[in-house]
All heavy atoms as atom14 arrays in JSON, in Angstrom:
{
  "sequence": "MTMGPLPKQNELNRLNKAISEFYHDLCVQLGISESVFDIFYAISALGD",
  "atom14_mask": [
    [1, 1, 1, 1, 1, 1, 1, 1, 0, 0, 0, 0, 0, 0],
    [1, 1, 1, 1, 1, 1, 1, 0, 0, 0, 0, 0, 0, 0],
    [1, 1, 1, 1, 1, 1, 1, 1, 0, 0, 0, 0, 0, 0],
    [1, 1, 1, 1, 0, 0, 0, 0, 0, 0, 0, 0, 0, 0],
    [1, 1, 1, 1, 1, 1, 1, 0, 0, 0, 0, 0, 0, 0],
    [1, 1, 1, 1, 1, 1, 1, 1, 0, 0, 0, 0, 0, 0],
    [1, 1, 1, 1, 1, 1, 1, 0, 0, 0, 0, 0, 0, 0],
    [1, 1, 1, 1, 1, 1, 1, 1, 1, 0, 0, 0, 0, 0],
    [1, 1, 1, 1, 1, 1, 1, 1, 1, 0, 0, 0, 0, 0],
    [1, 1, 1, 1, 1, 1, 1, 1, 0, 0, 0, 0, 0, 0],
    [1, 1, 1, 1, 1, 1, 1, 1, 1, 0, 0, 0, 0, 0],
    [1, 1, 1, 1, 1, 1, 1, 1, 0, 0, 0, 0, 0, 0],
    [1, 1, 1, 1, 1, 1, 1, 1, 0, 0, 0, 0, 0, 0],
    [1, 1, 1, 1, 1, 1, 1, 1, 1, 1, 1, 0, 0, 0],
    [1, 1, 1, 1, 1, 1, 1, 1, 0, 0, 0, 0, 0, 0],
    [1, 1, 1, 1, 1, 1, 1, 1, 0, 0, 0, 0, 0, 0],
    [1, 1, 1, 1, 1, 1, 1, 1, 1, 0, 0, 0, 0, 0],
    [1, 1, 1, 1, 1, 0, 0, 0, 0, 0, 0, 0, 0, 0],
    [1, 1, 1, 1, 1, 1, 1, 1, 0, 0, 0, 0, 0, 0],
    [1, 1, 1, 1, 1, 1, 0, 0, 0, 0, 0, 0, 0, 0],
    [1, 1, 1, 1, 1, 1, 1, 1, 1, 0, 0, 0, 0, 0],
    [1, 1, 1, 1, 1, 1, 1, 1, 1, 1, 1, 0, 0, 0],
    [1, 1, 1, 1, 1, 1, 1, 1, 1, 1, 1, 1, 0, 0],
    [1, 1, 1, 1, 1, 1, 1, 1, 1, 1, 0, 0, 0, 0],
    [1, 1, 1, 1, 1, 1, 1, 1, 0, 0, 0, 0, 0, 0],
    [1, 1, 1, 1, 1, 1, 1, 1, 0, 0, 0, 0, 0, 0],
    [1, 1, 1, 1, 1, 1, 0, 0, 0, 0, 0, 0, 0, 0],
    [1, 1, 1, 1, 1, 1, 1, 0, 0, 0, 0, 0, 0, 0],
    [1, 1, 1, 1, 1, 1, 1, 1, 1, 0, 0, 0, 0, 0],
    [1, 1, 1, 1, 1, 1, 1, 1, 0, 0, 0, 0, 0, 0],
    [1, 1, 1, 1, 0, 0, 0, 0, 0, 0, 0, 0, 0, 0],
    [1, 1, 1, 1, 1, 1, 1, 1, 0, 0, 0, 0, 0, 0],
    [1, 1, 1, 1, 1, 1, 0, 0, 0, 0, 0, 0, 0, 0],
    [1, 1, 1, 1, 1, 1, 1, 1, 1, 0, 0, 0, 0, 0],
    [1, 1, 1, 1, 1, 1, 0, 0, 0, 0, 0, 0, 0, 0],
    [1, 1, 1, 1, 1, 1, 1, 0, 0, 0, 0, 0, 0, 0],
    [1, 1, 1, 1, 1, 1, 1, 1, 1, 1, 1, 0, 0, 0],
    [1, 1, 1, 1, 1, 1, 1, 1, 0, 0, 0, 0, 0, 0],
    [1, 1, 1, 1, 1, 1, 1, 1, 0, 0, 0, 0, 0, 0],
    [1, 1, 1, 1, 1, 1, 1, 1, 1, 1, 1, 0, 0, 0],
    [1, 1, 1, 1, 1, 1, 1, 1, 1, 1, 1, 1, 0, 0],
    [1, 1, 1, 1, 1, 0, 0, 0, 0, 0, 0, 0, 0, 0],
    [1, 1, 1, 1, 1, 1, 1, 1, 0, 0, 0, 0, 0, 0],
    [1, 1, 1, 1, 1, 1, 0, 0, 0, 0, 0, 0, 0, 0],
    [1, 1, 1, 1, 1, 0, 0, 0, 0, 0, 0, 0, 0, 0],
    [1, 1, 1, 1, 1, 1, 1, 1, 0, 0, 0, 0, 0, 0],
    [1, 1, 1, 1, 0, 0, 0, 0, 0, 0, 0, 0, 0, 0],
    [1, 1, 1, 1, 1, 1, 1, 1, 0, 0, 0, 0, 0, 0]
  ],
  "atom14_positions": [
    [[9.08, 10.91, 69.28], [9.45, 11.01, 70.68], [8.43, 11.85, 71.44], [8.09, 12.97, 71.01], [10.87, 11.62, 70.81], [11.38, 11.66, 72.22], [13.11, 12.09, 72.31], [13.0, 13.78, 72.68], [0.0, 0.0, 0.0], [0.0, 0.0, 0.0], [0.0, 0.0, 0.0], [0.0, 0.0, 0.0], [0.0, 0.0, 0.0], [0.0, 0.0, 0.0]],
    [[7.93, 11.35, 72.6], [6.96, 12.14, 73.36], [7.71, 12.88, 74.42], [8.76, 12.43, 74.98], [5.94, 11.18, 73.99], [6.58, 10.3, 74.86], [5.1, 10.48, 72.94], [0.0, 0.0, 0.0], [0.0, 0.0, 0.0], [0.0, 0.0, 0.0], [0.0, 0.0, 0.0], [0.0, 0.0, 0.0], [0.0, 0.0, 0.0], [0.0, 0.0, 0.0]],
    [[7.17, 14.01, 74.73], [7.78, 14.85, 75.79], [7.05, 14.64, 77.11], [5.85, 14.74, 77.16], [7.68, 16.32, 75.4], [8.47, 17.24, 76.26], [8.51, 18.88, 75.47], [7.59, 19.77, 76.72], [0.0, 0.0, 0.0], [0.0, 0.0, 0.0], [0.0, 0.0, 0.0], [0.0, 0.0, 0.0], [0.0, 0.0, 0.0], [0.0, 0.0, 0.0]],
    [[7.77, 14.22, 78.12], [7.17, 13.99, 79.46], [6.96, 15.34, 80.14], [7.38, 16.39, 79.68], [0.0, 0.0, 0.0], [0.0, 0.0, 0.0], [0.0, 0.0, 0.0], [0.0, 0.0, 0.0], [0.0, 0.0, 0.0], [0.0, 0.0, 0.0], [0.0, 0.0, 0.0], [0.0, 0.0, 0.0], [0.0, 0.0, 0.0], [0.0, 0.0, 0.0]],
    [[6.29, 15.27, 81.31], [6.06, 16.51, 82.09], [7.42, 17.1, 82.6], [8.32, 16.37, 82.92], [5.18, 16.1, 83.25], [5.36, 14.61, 83.34], [5.77, 14.12, 81.99], [0.0, 0.0, 0.0], [0.0, 0.0, 0.0], [0.0, 0.0, 0.0], [0.0, 0.0, 0.0], [0.0, 0.0, 0.0], [0.0, 0.0, 0.0], [0.0, 0.0, 0.0]],
    [[7.47, 18.42, 82.62], [8.59, 19.09, 83.27], [8.6, 18.76, 84.73], [7.54, 18.56, 85.35], [8.52, 20.59, 83.01], [8.55, 21.05, 81.61], [8.27, 22.52, 81.5], [9.94, 20.73, 80.98], [0.0, 0.0, 0.0], [0.0, 0.0, 0.0], [0.0, 0.0, 0.0], [0.0, 0.0, 0.0], [0.0, 0.0, 0.0], [0.0, 0.0, 0.0]],
    [[9.77, 18.76, 85.39], [9.8, 18.44, 86.85], [8.82, 19.3, 87.67], [8.15, 18.74, 88.56], [11.24, 18.71, 87.22], [12.0, 18.5, 85.93], [11.08, 18.97, 84.86], [0.0, 0.0, 0.0], [0.0, 0.0, 0.0], [0.0, 0.0, 0.0], [0.0, 0.0, 0.0], [0.0, 0.0, 0.0], [0.0, 0.0, 0.0], [0.0, 0.0, 0.0]],
    [[8.69, 20.57, 87.41], [7.84, 21.4, 88.18], [6.35, 21.03, 87.95], [5.56, 20.99, 88.89], [8.1, 22.89, 87.95], [9.34, 23.37, 88.56], [9.54, 24.84, 88.32], [10.93, 25.24, 88.94], [11.16, 26.62, 88.75], [0.0, 0.0, 0.0], [0.0, 0.0, 0.0], [0.0, 0.0, 0.0], [0.0, 0.0, 0.0], [0.0, 0.0, 0.0]],
    [[5.97, 20.78, 86.67], [4.64, 20.37, 86.34], [4.32, 19.0, 87.02], [3.26, 18.8, 87.56], [4.41, 20.25, 84.85], [3.06, 19.75, 84.49], [1.91, 20.49, 85.13], [1.91, 21.71, 85.26], [0.9, 19.77, 85.57], [0.0, 0.0, 0.0], [0.0, 0.0, 0.0], [0.0, 0.0, 0.0], [0.0, 0.0, 0.0], [0.0, 0.0, 0.0]],
    [[5.29, 18.18, 86.97], [5.14, 16.78, 87.62], [4.85, 16.97, 89.1], [3.97, 16.29, 89.66], [6.42, 15.98, 87.34], [6.18, 14.52, 87.66], [5.11, 14.0, 87.52], [7.31, 13.91, 88.11], [0.0, 0.0, 0.0], [0.0, 0.0, 0.0], [0.0, 0.0, 0.0], [0.0, 0.0, 0.0], [0.0, 0.0, 0.0], [0.0, 0.0, 0.0]],
    [[5.59, 17.88, 89.72], [5.38, 18.06, 91.16], [4.07, 18.71, 91.46], [3.41, 18.34, 92.42], [6.57, 18.89, 91.73], [6.52, 19.08, 93.21], [6.65, 17.81, 94.06], [6.91, 16.75, 93.52], [6.37, 17.89, 95.27], [0.0, 0.0, 0.0], [0.0, 0.0, 0.0], [0.0, 0.0, 0.0], [0.0, 0.0, 0.0], [0.0, 0.0, 0.0]],
    [[3.69, 19.7, 90.66], [2.42, 20.36, 90.81], [1.26, 19.29, 90.68], [0.31, 19.28, 91.49], [2.22, 21.5, 89.88], [0.9, 22.29, 89.96], [0.75, 22.91, 91.33], [0.88, 23.37, 88.94], [0.0, 0.0, 0.0], [0.0, 0.0, 0.0], [0.0, 0.0, 0.0], [0.0, 0.0, 0.0], [0.0, 0.0, 0.0], [0.0, 0.0, 0.0]],
    [[1.34, 18.51, 89.68], [0.32, 17.47, 89.47], [0.28, 16.48, 90.7], [-0.78, 16.07, 91.09], [0.6, 16.74, 88.16], [-0.49, 15.83, 87.75], [-1.65, 16.18, 87.78], [-0.21, 14.58, 87.35], [0.0, 0.0, 0.0], [0.0, 0.0, 0.0], [0.0, 0.0, 0.0], [0.0, 0.0, 0.0], [0.0, 0.0, 0.0], [0.0, 0.0, 0.0]],
    [[1.49, 16.1, 91.15], [1.55, 15.16, 92.28], [0.89, 15.79, 93.49], [0.1, 15.14, 94.21], [2.99, 14.86, 92.55], [3.17, 13.74, 93.59], [4.66, 13.52, 93.94], [5.1, 14.68, 94.74], [4.79, 14.85, 96.03], [4.05, 13.99, 96.66], [5.29, 15.86, 96.72], [0.0, 0.0, 0.0], [0.0, 0.0, 0.0], [0.0, 0.0, 0.0]],
    [[1.17, 17.12, 93.74], [0.57, 17.77, 94.89], [-0.96, 17.9, 94.78], [-1.68, 17.71, 95.75], [1.23, 19.15, 95.09], [2.65, 19.14, 95.56], [3.23, 20.52, 95.54], [2.75, 18.55, 97.01], [0.0, 0.0, 0.0], [0.0, 0.0, 0.0], [0.0, 0.0, 0.0], [0.0, 0.0, 0.0], [0.0, 0.0, 0.0], [0.0, 0.0, 0.0]],
    [[-1.41, 18.21, 93.57], [-2.88, 18.22, 93.38], [-3.5, 16.87, 93.64], [-4.53, 16.82, 94.31], [-3.19, 18.69, 91.94], [-3.08, 20.17, 91.76], [-3.28, 20.93, 92.66], [-2.73, 20.58, 90.55], [0.0, 0.0, 0.0], [0.0, 0.0, 0.0], [0.0, 0.0, 0.0], [0.0, 0.0, 0.0], [0.0, 0.0, 0.0], [0.0, 0.0, 0.0]],
    [[-2.91, 15.8, 93.19], [-3.44, 14.5, 93.47], [-3.31, 14.12, 94.92], [-4.24, 13.53, 95.49], [-2.68, 13.46, 92.59], [-3.05, 13.58, 91.1], [-2.42, 12.53, 90.28], [-2.79, 12.66, 88.82], [-4.14, 12.61, 88.49], [0.0, 0.0, 0.0], [0.0, 0.0, 0.0], [0.0, 0.0, 0.0], [0.0, 0.0, 0.0], [0.0, 0.0, 0.0]],
    [[-2.3, 14.55, 95.57], [-2.15, 14.27, 97.02], [-3.26, 15.02, 97.85], [-3.8, 14.4, 98.8], [-0.78, 14.75, 97.51], [0.0, 0.0, 0.0], [0.0, 0.0, 0.0], [0.0, 0.0, 0.0], [0.0, 0.0, 0.0], [0.0, 0.0, 0.0], [0.0, 0.0, 0.0], [0.0, 0.0, 0.0], [0.0, 0.0, 0.0], [0.0, 0.0, 0.0]],
    [[-3.56, 16.25, 97.42], [-4.64, 16.96, 98.11], [-5.96, 16.24, 97.9], [-6.76, 16.04, 98.85], [-4.69, 18.43, 97.69], [-3.5, 19.18, 98.24], [-6.0, 19.12, 98.18], [-3.29, 20.54, 97.67], [0.0, 0.0, 0.0], [0.0, 0.0, 0.0], [0.0, 0.0, 0.0], [0.0, 0.0, 0.0], [0.0, 0.0, 0.0], [0.0, 0.0, 0.0]],
    [[-6.21, 15.82, 96.68], [-7.47, 15.1, 96.35], [-7.53, 13.8, 97.21], [-8.59, 13.41, 97.64], [-7.54, 14.74, 94.87], [-7.75, 15.91, 94.14], [0.0, 0.0, 0.0], [0.0, 0.0, 0.0], [0.0, 0.0, 0.0], [0.0, 0.0, 0.0], [0.0, 0.0, 0.0], [0.0, 0.0, 0.0], [0.0, 0.0, 0.0], [0.0, 0.0, 0.0]],
    [[-6.42, 13.11, 97.28], [-6.34, 11.8, 98.0], [-6.56, 12.11, 99.5], [-7.21, 11.3, 100.18], [-5.0, 11.14, 97.8], [-4.85, 9.83, 98.47], [-5.75, 8.7, 97.89], [-6.32, 8.88, 96.8], [-5.9, 7.68, 98.56], [0.0, 0.0, 0.0], [0.0, 0.0, 0.0], [0.0, 0.0, 0.0], [0.0, 0.0, 0.0], [0.0, 0.0, 0.0]],
    [[-6.04, 13.21, 100.01], [-6.24, 13.59, 101.42], [-7.78, 13.72, 101.69], [-8.24, 13.16, 102.67], [-5.56, 14.93, 101.75], [-5.9, 15.41, 103.07], [-5.21, 14.99, 104.22], [-6.92, 16.38, 103.26], [-5.57, 15.45, 105.46], [-7.21, 16.86, 104.5], [-6.57, 16.39, 105.63], [0.0, 0.0, 0.0], [0.0, 0.0, 0.0], [0.0, 0.0, 0.0]],
    [[-8.53, 14.43, 100.86], [-9.87, 14.65, 101.06], [-10.68, 13.33, 100.91], [-11.65, 13.04, 101.56], [-10.47, 15.77, 100.19], [-10.15, 17.09, 100.81], [-9.07, 17.86, 100.39], [-10.88, 17.6, 101.85], [-8.71, 19.06, 100.99], [-10.56, 18.83, 102.47], [-9.49, 19.56, 102.01], [-9.2, 20.74, 102.64], [0.0, 0.0, 0.0], [0.0, 0.0, 0.0]],
    [[-10.2, 12.49, 99.92], [-10.85, 11.2, 99.75], [-10.69, 10.39, 101.06], [-11.72, 9.77, 101.54], [-10.29, 10.45, 98.59], [-10.69, 9.01, 98.5], [-11.88, 8.57, 98.02], [-10.06, 7.83, 98.9], [-12.02, 7.27, 98.14], [-10.92, 6.82, 98.69], [0.0, 0.0, 0.0], [0.0, 0.0, 0.0], [0.0, 0.0, 0.0], [0.0, 0.0, 0.0]],
    [[-9.52, 10.32, 101.57], [-9.26, 9.58, 102.81], [-10.03, 10.16, 103.98], [-10.52, 9.43, 104.84], [-7.73, 9.56, 103.11], [-6.92, 8.72, 102.14], [-7.53, 7.91, 101.35], [-5.69, 8.84, 102.17], [0.0, 0.0, 0.0], [0.0, 0.0, 0.0], [0.0, 0.0, 0.0], [0.0, 0.0, 0.0], [0.0, 0.0, 0.0], [0.0, 0.0, 0.0]],
    [[-10.15, 11.45, 104.02], [-10.92, 12.11, 105.03], [-12.4, 11.72, 105.03], [-13.01, 11.38, 106.03], [-10.81, 13.64, 104.9], [-11.55, 14.51, 105.96], [-10.95, 14.23, 107.36], [-11.39, 15.95, 105.57], [0.0, 0.0, 0.0], [0.0, 0.0, 0.0], [0.0, 0.0, 0.0], [0.0, 0.0, 0.0], [0.0, 0.0, 0.0], [0.0, 0.0, 0.0]],
    [[-12.97, 11.62, 103.77], [-14.33, 11.19, 103.66], [-14.46, 9.72, 104.09], [-15.47, 9.4, 104.77], [-14.76, 11.3, 102.19], [-15.07, 13.04, 101.73], [0.0, 0.0, 0.0], [0.0, 0.0, 0.0], [0.0, 0.0, 0.0], [0.0, 0.0, 0.0], [0.0, 0.0, 0.0], [0.0, 0.0, 0.0], [0.0, 0.0, 0.0], [0.0, 0.0, 0.0]],
    [[-13.56, 8.87, 103.77], [-13.57, 7.5, 104.19], [-13.53, 7.47, 105.77], [-14.32, 6.73, 106.38], [-12.4, 6.71, 103.62], [-12.25, 5.34, 104.29], [-12.57, 6.54, 102.1], [0.0, 0.0, 0.0], [0.0, 0.0, 0.0], [0.0, 0.0, 0.0], [0.0, 0.0, 0.0], [0.0, 0.0, 0.0], [0.0, 0.0, 0.0], [0.0, 0.0, 0.0]],
    [[-12.68, 8.26, 106.33], [-12.57, 8.26, 107.84], [-13.9, 8.8, 108.45], [-14.31, 8.32, 109.49], [-11.4, 9.21, 108.22], [-11.12, 9.26, 109.66], [-9.94, 10.2, 109.96], [-9.13, 10.54, 109.08], [-9.81, 10.58, 111.21], [0.0, 0.0, 0.0], [0.0, 0.0, 0.0], [0.0, 0.0, 0.0], [0.0, 0.0, 0.0], [0.0, 0.0, 0.0]],
    [[-14.56, 9.73, 107.75], [-15.88, 10.26, 108.29], [-17.02, 9.29, 107.97], [-18.1, 9.51, 108.49], [-16.11, 11.65, 107.65], [-15.23, 12.8, 108.07], [-15.5, 14.03, 107.19], [-15.38, 13.11, 109.56], [0.0, 0.0, 0.0], [0.0, 0.0, 0.0], [0.0, 0.0, 0.0], [0.0, 0.0, 0.0], [0.0, 0.0, 0.0], [0.0, 0.0, 0.0]],
    [[-16.77, 8.34, 107.09], [-17.78, 7.38, 106.75], [-18.84, 7.93, 105.8], [-19.99, 7.55, 105.82], [0.0, 0.0, 0.0], [0.0, 0.0, 0.0], [0.0, 0.0, 0.0], [0.0, 0.0, 0.0], [0.0, 0.0, 0.0], [0.0, 0.0, 0.0], [0.0, 0.0, 0.0], [0.0, 0.0, 0.0], [0.0, 0.0, 0.0], [0.0, 0.0, 0.0]],
    [[-18.38, 8.86, 104.93], [-19.32, 9.47, 103.97], [-18.72, 9.46, 102.59], [-17.49, 9.36, 102.44], [-19.74, 10.93, 104.34], [-18.48, 11.82, 104.44], [-20.47, 10.91, 105.69], [-18.8, 13.27, 104.71], [0.0, 0.0, 0.0], [0.0, 0.0, 0.0], [0.0, 0.0, 0.0], [0.0, 0.0, 0.0], [0.0, 0.0, 0.0], [0.0, 0.0, 0.0]],
    [[-19.58, 9.61, 101.54], [-19.04, 9.73, 100.18], [-18.56, 11.09, 99.95], [-18.93, 12.07, 100.67], [-20.2, 9.38, 99.24], [-21.16, 10.42, 99.23], [0.0, 0.0, 0.0], [0.0, 0.0, 0.0], [0.0, 0.0, 0.0], [0.0, 0.0, 0.0], [0.0, 0.0, 0.0], [0.0, 0.0, 0.0], [0.0, 0.0, 0.0], [0.0, 0.0, 0.0]],
    [[-17.71, 11.2, 98.94], [-17.22, 12.57, 98.58], [-18.34, 13.47, 98.09], [-18.27, 14.68, 98.35], [-16.12, 12.44, 97.51], [-14.88, 11.77, 98.07], [-13.8, 11.5, 97.04], [-13.28, 12.46, 96.45], [-13.46, 10.34, 96.83], [0.0, 0.0, 0.0], [0.0, 0.0, 0.0], [0.0, 0.0, 0.0], [0.0, 0.0, 0.0], [0.0, 0.0, 0.0]],
    [[-19.34, 12.94, 97.42], [-20.47, 13.8, 96.99], [-21.25, 14.33, 98.21], [-21.7, 15.47, 98.16], [-21.34, 13.07, 96.01], [-21.88, 11.87, 96.51], [0.0, 0.0, 0.0], [0.0, 0.0, 0.0], [0.0, 0.0, 0.0], [0.0, 0.0, 0.0], [0.0, 0.0, 0.0], [0.0, 0.0, 0.0], [0.0, 0.0, 0.0], [0.0, 0.0, 0.0]],
    [[-21.46, 13.5, 99.2], [-22.09, 13.98, 100.45], [-21.33, 15.04, 101.08], [-21.87, 16.08, 101.47], [-22.43, 12.79, 101.34], [-22.84, 13.29, 102.77], [-23.49, 11.88, 100.81], [0.0, 0.0, 0.0], [0.0, 0.0, 0.0], [0.0, 0.0, 0.0], [0.0, 0.0, 0.0], [0.0, 0.0, 0.0], [0.0, 0.0, 0.0], [0.0, 0.0, 0.0]],
    [[-20.01, 14.82, 101.17], [-19.07, 15.82, 101.76], [-19.22, 17.12, 100.95], [-19.41, 18.21, 101.54], [-17.63, 15.32, 101.76], [-16.66, 16.35, 102.27], [-16.42, 16.43, 103.62], [-15.96, 17.14, 101.38], [-15.51, 17.38, 104.13], [-15.06, 18.07, 101.9], [-14.84, 18.19, 103.24], [0.0, 0.0, 0.0], [0.0, 0.0, 0.0], [0.0, 0.0, 0.0]],
    [[-19.18, 17.05, 99.65], [-19.3, 18.24, 98.82], [-20.57, 19.0, 99.0], [-20.59, 20.2, 99.05], [-19.11, 17.86, 97.31], [-17.7, 17.43, 96.94], [-16.74, 17.7, 97.7], [-17.54, 16.79, 95.88], [0.0, 0.0, 0.0], [0.0, 0.0, 0.0], [0.0, 0.0, 0.0], [0.0, 0.0, 0.0], [0.0, 0.0, 0.0], [0.0, 0.0, 0.0]],
    [[-21.65, 18.26, 99.09], [-22.97, 18.91, 99.3], [-23.04, 19.66, 100.61], [-23.4, 20.85, 100.61], [-24.14, 17.83, 99.17], [-24.22, 17.36, 97.73], [-25.39, 18.42, 99.71], [-25.08, 16.12, 97.61], [0.0, 0.0, 0.0], [0.0, 0.0, 0.0], [0.0, 0.0, 0.0], [0.0, 0.0, 0.0], [0.0, 0.0, 0.0], [0.0, 0.0, 0.0]],
    [[-22.69, 19.02, 101.69], [-22.78, 19.65, 102.97], [-21.73, 20.79, 103.13], [-22.0, 21.77, 103.75], [-22.71, 18.63, 104.13], [-23.99, 17.93, 104.33], [-24.12, 16.61, 103.89], [-25.08, 18.52, 104.96], [-25.29, 15.9, 104.05], [-26.28, 17.8, 105.08], [-26.34, 16.47, 104.68], [0.0, 0.0, 0.0], [0.0, 0.0, 0.0], [0.0, 0.0, 0.0]],
    [[-20.56, 20.58, 102.55], [-19.52, 21.63, 102.6], [-20.06, 22.87, 101.82], [-19.93, 23.99, 102.3], [-18.23, 21.11, 101.97], [-17.02, 21.96, 102.27], [-16.12, 21.57, 103.25], [-16.77, 23.16, 101.62], [-15.02, 22.35, 103.6], [-15.73, 23.92, 101.95], [-14.84, 23.5, 102.86], [-13.68, 24.28, 103.21], [0.0, 0.0, 0.0], [0.0, 0.0, 0.0]],
    [[-20.63, 22.62, 100.64], [-21.14, 23.73, 99.86], [-22.31, 24.4, 100.57], [-22.35, 25.66, 100.53], [-21.62, 23.2, 98.49], [0.0, 0.0, 0.0], [0.0, 0.0, 0.0], [0.0, 0.0, 0.0], [0.0, 0.0, 0.0], [0.0, 0.0, 0.0], [0.0, 0.0, 0.0], [0.0, 0.0, 0.0], [0.0, 0.0, 0.0], [0.0, 0.0, 0.0]],
    [[-23.2, 23.72, 101.19], [-24.28, 24.34, 101.91], [-23.73, 25.2, 103.07], [-24.26, 26.26, 103.34], [-25.32, 23.29, 102.42], [-26.03, 22.66, 101.26], [-26.3, 23.9, 103.42], [-26.93, 21.49, 101.58], [0.0, 0.0, 0.0], [0.0, 0.0, 0.0], [0.0, 0.0, 0.0], [0.0, 0.0, 0.0], [0.0, 0.0, 0.0], [0.0, 0.0, 0.0]],
    [[-22.71, 24.68, 103.72], [-22.08, 25.43, 104.75], [-21.5, 26.77, 104.29], [-21.61, 27.79, 104.91], [-20.89, 24.66, 105.36], [-21.33, 23.51, 106.07], [0.0, 0.0, 0.0], [0.0, 0.0, 0.0], [0.0, 0.0, 0.0], [0.0, 0.0, 0.0], [0.0, 0.0, 0.0], [0.0, 0.0, 0.0], [0.0, 0.0, 0.0], [0.0, 0.0, 0.0]],
    [[-20.99, 26.75, 103.04], [-20.45, 27.96, 102.48], [-21.49, 28.87, 101.83], [-21.46, 30.1, 102.01], [-19.38, 27.62, 101.39], [0.0, 0.0, 0.0], [0.0, 0.0, 0.0], [0.0, 0.0, 0.0], [0.0, 0.0, 0.0], [0.0, 0.0, 0.0], [0.0, 0.0, 0.0], [0.0, 0.0, 0.0], [0.0, 0.0, 0.0], [0.0, 0.0, 0.0]],
    [[-22.48, 28.24, 101.15], [-23.43, 29.05, 100.39], [-24.66, 29.43, 101.2], [-25.33, 30.39, 100.85], [-23.9, 28.19, 99.18], [-22.83, 27.81, 98.15], [-23.38, 26.74, 97.18], [-22.33, 29.07, 97.48], [0.0, 0.0, 0.0], [0.0, 0.0, 0.0], [0.0, 0.0, 0.0], [0.0, 0.0, 0.0], [0.0, 0.0, 0.0], [0.0, 0.0, 0.0]],
    [[-24.99, 28.64, 102.25], [-26.12, 28.94, 103.11], [-27.28, 28.04, 102.76], [-27.46, 27.53, 101.65], [0.0, 0.0, 0.0], [0.0, 0.0, 0.0], [0.0, 0.0, 0.0], [0.0, 0.0, 0.0], [0.0, 0.0, 0.0], [0.0, 0.0, 0.0], [0.0, 0.0, 0.0], [0.0, 0.0, 0.0], [0.0, 0.0, 0.0], [0.0, 0.0, 0.0]],
    [[-28.09, 27.82, 103.79], [-29.28, 27.07, 103.68], [-30.23, 27.68, 102.62], [-30.33, 28.9, 102.52], [-29.99, 27.07, 105.05], [-30.73, 25.78, 105.35], [-30.55, 24.78, 104.62], [-31.42, 25.76, 106.31], [0.0, 0.0, 0.0], [0.0, 0.0, 0.0], [0.0, 0.0, 0.0], [0.0, 0.0, 0.0], [0.0, 0.0, 0.0], [0.0, 0.0, 0.0]]
  ]
}
């Protein structure tokens, strides 16, 4: 018998995936890839 995720773990995993999906959809809306978003976001944080 396999043990499924606990309800709290299931919810945490769902929320993590929802946040990832939010940023994916945001990139689609901006017309850019997630890697391009990550690069420019990182440069904004780390500096030129």
